[in-house]
C-alpha atoms as a PDB file:
ATOM      1  CA  UNK A   1     -20.309 -44.367 -12.962  1.00  0.00           C
ATOM      2  CA  UNK A   2     -20.064 -48.053 -12.062  1.00  0.00           C
ATOM      3  CA  UNK A   3     -16.324 -47.675 -11.559  1.00  0.00           C
ATOM      4  CA  UNK A   4     -16.900 -44.785  -9.135  1.00  0.00           C
ATOM      5  CA  UNK A   5     -19.464 -46.837  -7.189  1.00  0.00           C
ATOM      6  CA  UNK A   6     -17.073 -49.781  -7.025  1.00  0.00           C
ATOM      7  CA  UNK A   7     -14.186 -47.620  -5.779  1.00  0.00           C
ATOM      8  CA  UNK A   8     -16.445 -45.902  -3.248  1.00  0.00           C
ATOM      9  CA  UNK A   9     -17.767 -49.238  -1.953  1.00  0.00           C
ATOM     10  CA  UNK A  10     -14.274 -50.708  -1.620  1.00  0.00           C
ATOM     11  CA  UNK A  11     -13.067 -47.646   0.304  1.00  0.00           C
ATOM     12  CA  UNK A  12     -16.106 -47.771   2.554  1.00  0.00           C
ATOM     13  CA  UNK A  13     -15.626 -51.440   3.418  1.00  0.00           C
ATOM     14  CA  UNK A  14     -11.874 -51.011   3.875  1.00  0.00           C
ATOM     15  CA  UNK A  15     -12.436 -48.198   6.370  1.00  0.00           C
ATOM     16  CA  UNK A  16     -14.990 -50.264   8.272  1.00  0.00           C
ATOM     17  CA  UNK A  17     -12.581 -53.211   8.487  1.00  0.00           C
ATOM     18  CA  UNK A  18      -9.706 -51.007   9.603  1.00  0.00           C
ATOM     19  CA  UNK A  19     -11.847 -49.129  12.127  1.00  0.00           C
ATOM     20  CA  UNK A  20     -12.703 -52.354  13.917  1.00  0.00           C
ATOM     21  CA  UNK A  21      -9.095 -53.459  13.916  1.00  0.00           C
ATOM     22  CA  UNK A  22      -7.354 -51.284  16.481  1.00  0.00           C
ATOM     23  CA  UNK A  23      -4.285 -52.258  18.446  1.00  0.00           C
ATOM     24  CA  UNK A  24      -5.152 -52.274  22.162  1.00  0.00           C
ATOM     25  CA  UNK A  25      -3.306 -50.173  24.711  1.00  0.00           C
ATOM     26  CA  UNK A  26      -1.052 -52.097  27.097  1.00  0.00           C
ATOM     27  CA  UNK A  27      -2.350 -52.251  30.678  1.00  0.00           C
ATOM     28  CA  UNK A  28      -0.535 -50.464  33.482  1.00  0.00           C
ATOM     29  CA  UNK A  29       0.853 -52.828  36.097  1.00  0.00           C
ATOM     30  CA  UNK A  30       1.105 -51.812  39.756  1.00  0.00           C
ATOM     31  CA  UNK A  31       4.364 -51.393  41.640  1.00  0.00           C
ATOM     32  CA  UNK A  32       4.911 -54.688  43.433  1.00  0.00           C
ATOM     33  CA  UNK A  33       6.659 -52.996  46.371  1.00  0.00           C
ATOM     34  CA  UNK A  34       3.432 -51.400  47.590  1.00  0.00           C
ATOM     35  CA  UNK A  35       0.651 -53.116  45.627  1.00  0.00           C
ATOM     36  CA  UNK A  36      -2.438 -54.228  47.527  1.00  0.00           C
ATOM     37  CA  UNK A  37      -4.718 -57.136  46.664  1.00  0.00           C
ATOM     38  CA  UNK A  38      -7.313 -54.930  44.951  1.00  0.00           C
ATOM     39  CA  UNK A  39      -4.628 -53.535  42.616  1.00  0.00           C
ATOM     40  CA  UNK A  40      -3.432 -57.040  41.783  1.00  0.00           C
ATOM     41  CA  UNK A  41      -6.969 -58.185  40.987  1.00  0.00           C
ATOM     42  CA  UNK A  42      -7.503 -55.109  38.800  1.00  0.00           C
ATOM     43  CA  UNK A  43      -4.196 -55.762  37.032  1.00  0.00           C
ATOM     44  CA  UNK A  44      -5.203 -59.380  36.428  1.00  0.00           C
ATOM     45  CA  UNK A  45      -8.518 -58.293  34.890  1.00  0.00           C
ATOM     46  CA  UNK A  46      -6.787 -55.616  32.807  1.00  0.00           C
ATOM     47  CA  UNK A  47      -4.253 -58.147  31.495  1.00  0.00           C
ATOM     48  CA  UNK A  48      -7.020 -60.615  30.614  1.00  0.00           C
ATOM     49  CA  UNK A  49      -8.942 -57.879  28.765  1.00  0.00           C
ATOM     50  CA  UNK A  50      -5.770 -56.780  26.984  1.00  0.00           C
ATOM     51  CA  UNK A  51      -4.981 -60.312  25.822  1.00  0.00           C
ATOM     52  CA  UNK A  52      -8.550 -60.780  24.595  1.00  0.00           C
ATOM     53  CA  UNK A  53      -8.401 -57.482  22.659  1.00  0.00           C
ATOM     54  CA  UNK A  54      -4.934 -58.282  21.329  1.00  0.00           C
ATOM     55  CA  UNK A  55      -6.078 -61.672  20.062  1.00  0.00           C
ATOM     56  CA  UNK A  56      -9.018 -59.974  18.365  1.00  0.00           C
ATOM     57  CA  UNK A  57      -6.571 -57.530  16.753  1.00  0.00           C
ATOM     58  CA  UNK A  58      -4.369 -60.400  15.526  1.00  0.00           C
ATOM     59  CA  UNK A  59      -7.383 -62.064  13.944  1.00  0.00           C
ATOM     60  CA  UNK A  60      -8.517 -58.806  12.415  1.00  0.00           C
ATOM     61  CA  UNK A  61      -5.337 -57.423  10.873  1.00  0.00           C
ATOM     62  CA  UNK A  62      -3.862 -58.805   7.703  1.00  0.00           C
ATOM     63  CA  UNK A  63      -0.452 -57.331   8.402  1.00  0.00           C
ATOM     64  CA  UNK A  64       1.869 -60.199   9.371  1.00  0.00           C
ATOM     65  CA  UNK A  65       4.397 -57.867  10.970  1.00  0.00           C
ATOM     66  CA  UNK A  66       1.678 -56.335  13.159  1.00  0.00           C
ATOM     67  CA  UNK A  67       0.477 -59.832  14.083  1.00  0.00           C
ATOM     68  CA  UNK A  68       3.985 -60.930  15.126  1.00  0.00           C
ATOM     69  CA  UNK A  69       4.566 -57.691  17.028  1.00  0.00           C
ATOM     70  CA  UNK A  70       1.270 -58.072  18.887  1.00  0.00           C
ATOM     71  CA  UNK A  71       2.016 -61.711  19.708  1.00  0.00           C
ATOM     72  CA  UNK A  72       5.329 -60.626  21.216  1.00  0.00           C
ATOM     73  CA  UNK A  73       3.574 -57.898  23.235  1.00  0.00           C
ATOM     74  CA  UNK A  74       1.101 -60.457  24.592  1.00  0.00           C
ATOM     75  CA  UNK A  75       3.966 -62.707  25.661  1.00  0.00           C
ATOM     76  CA  UNK A  76       5.812 -59.801  27.289  1.00  0.00           C
ATOM     77  CA  UNK A  77       2.753 -58.552  29.203  1.00  0.00           C
ATOM     78  CA  UNK A  78       1.953 -62.083  30.381  1.00  0.00           C
ATOM     79  CA  UNK A  79       5.550 -62.643  31.525  1.00  0.00           C
ATOM     80  CA  UNK A  80       5.635 -59.264  33.278  1.00  0.00           C
ATOM     81  CA  UNK A  81       2.364 -59.952  35.054  1.00  0.00           C
ATOM     82  CA  UNK A  82       3.413 -63.453  36.107  1.00  0.00           C
ATOM     83  CA  UNK A  83       6.673 -62.059  37.517  1.00  0.00           C
ATOM     84  CA  UNK A  84       4.669 -59.415  39.346  1.00  0.00           C
ATOM     85  CA  UNK A  85       2.374 -62.065  40.860  1.00  0.00           C
ATOM     86  CA  UNK A  86       5.332 -64.161  42.028  1.00  0.00           C
ATOM     87  CA  UNK A  87       6.985 -61.119  43.621  1.00  0.00           C
ATOM     88  CA  UNK A  88       3.695 -60.081  45.237  1.00  0.00           C
ATOM     89  CA  UNK A  89       3.140 -63.545  46.715  1.00  0.00           C
ATOM     90  CA  UNK A  90       6.708 -63.602  48.008  1.00  0.00           C
ATOM     91  CA  UNK A  91       6.244 -60.183  49.605  1.00  0.00           C
ATOM     92  CA  UNK A  92       2.980 -61.292  51.221  1.00  0.00           C
ATOM     93  CA  UNK A  93       4.610 -64.406  52.701  1.00  0.00           C
ATOM     94  CA  UNK A  94       7.321 -62.310  54.315  1.00  0.00           C
ATOM     95  CA  UNK A  95       4.819 -59.889  55.808  1.00  0.00           C
END
């Protein structure tokens, strides 16, 4: 009976830990060719939220491969967003 209780408790706590450790969905970035300021601000907030959630996921998961993969995704999203901002600013200066 004690063995059953121990197994049940370990499964319960494992499921709780895994449930709180979900990989976040990547944010959608606007098309720089026709993006307006409001879309850029929303994208910036979405990227910040994504990075915060991704860092929480990295701290939560024990899977090193998942941690490395998520770190790479963070870097890629940040690079993509920064490129988008530069292109947006360039477009606005020409307008």
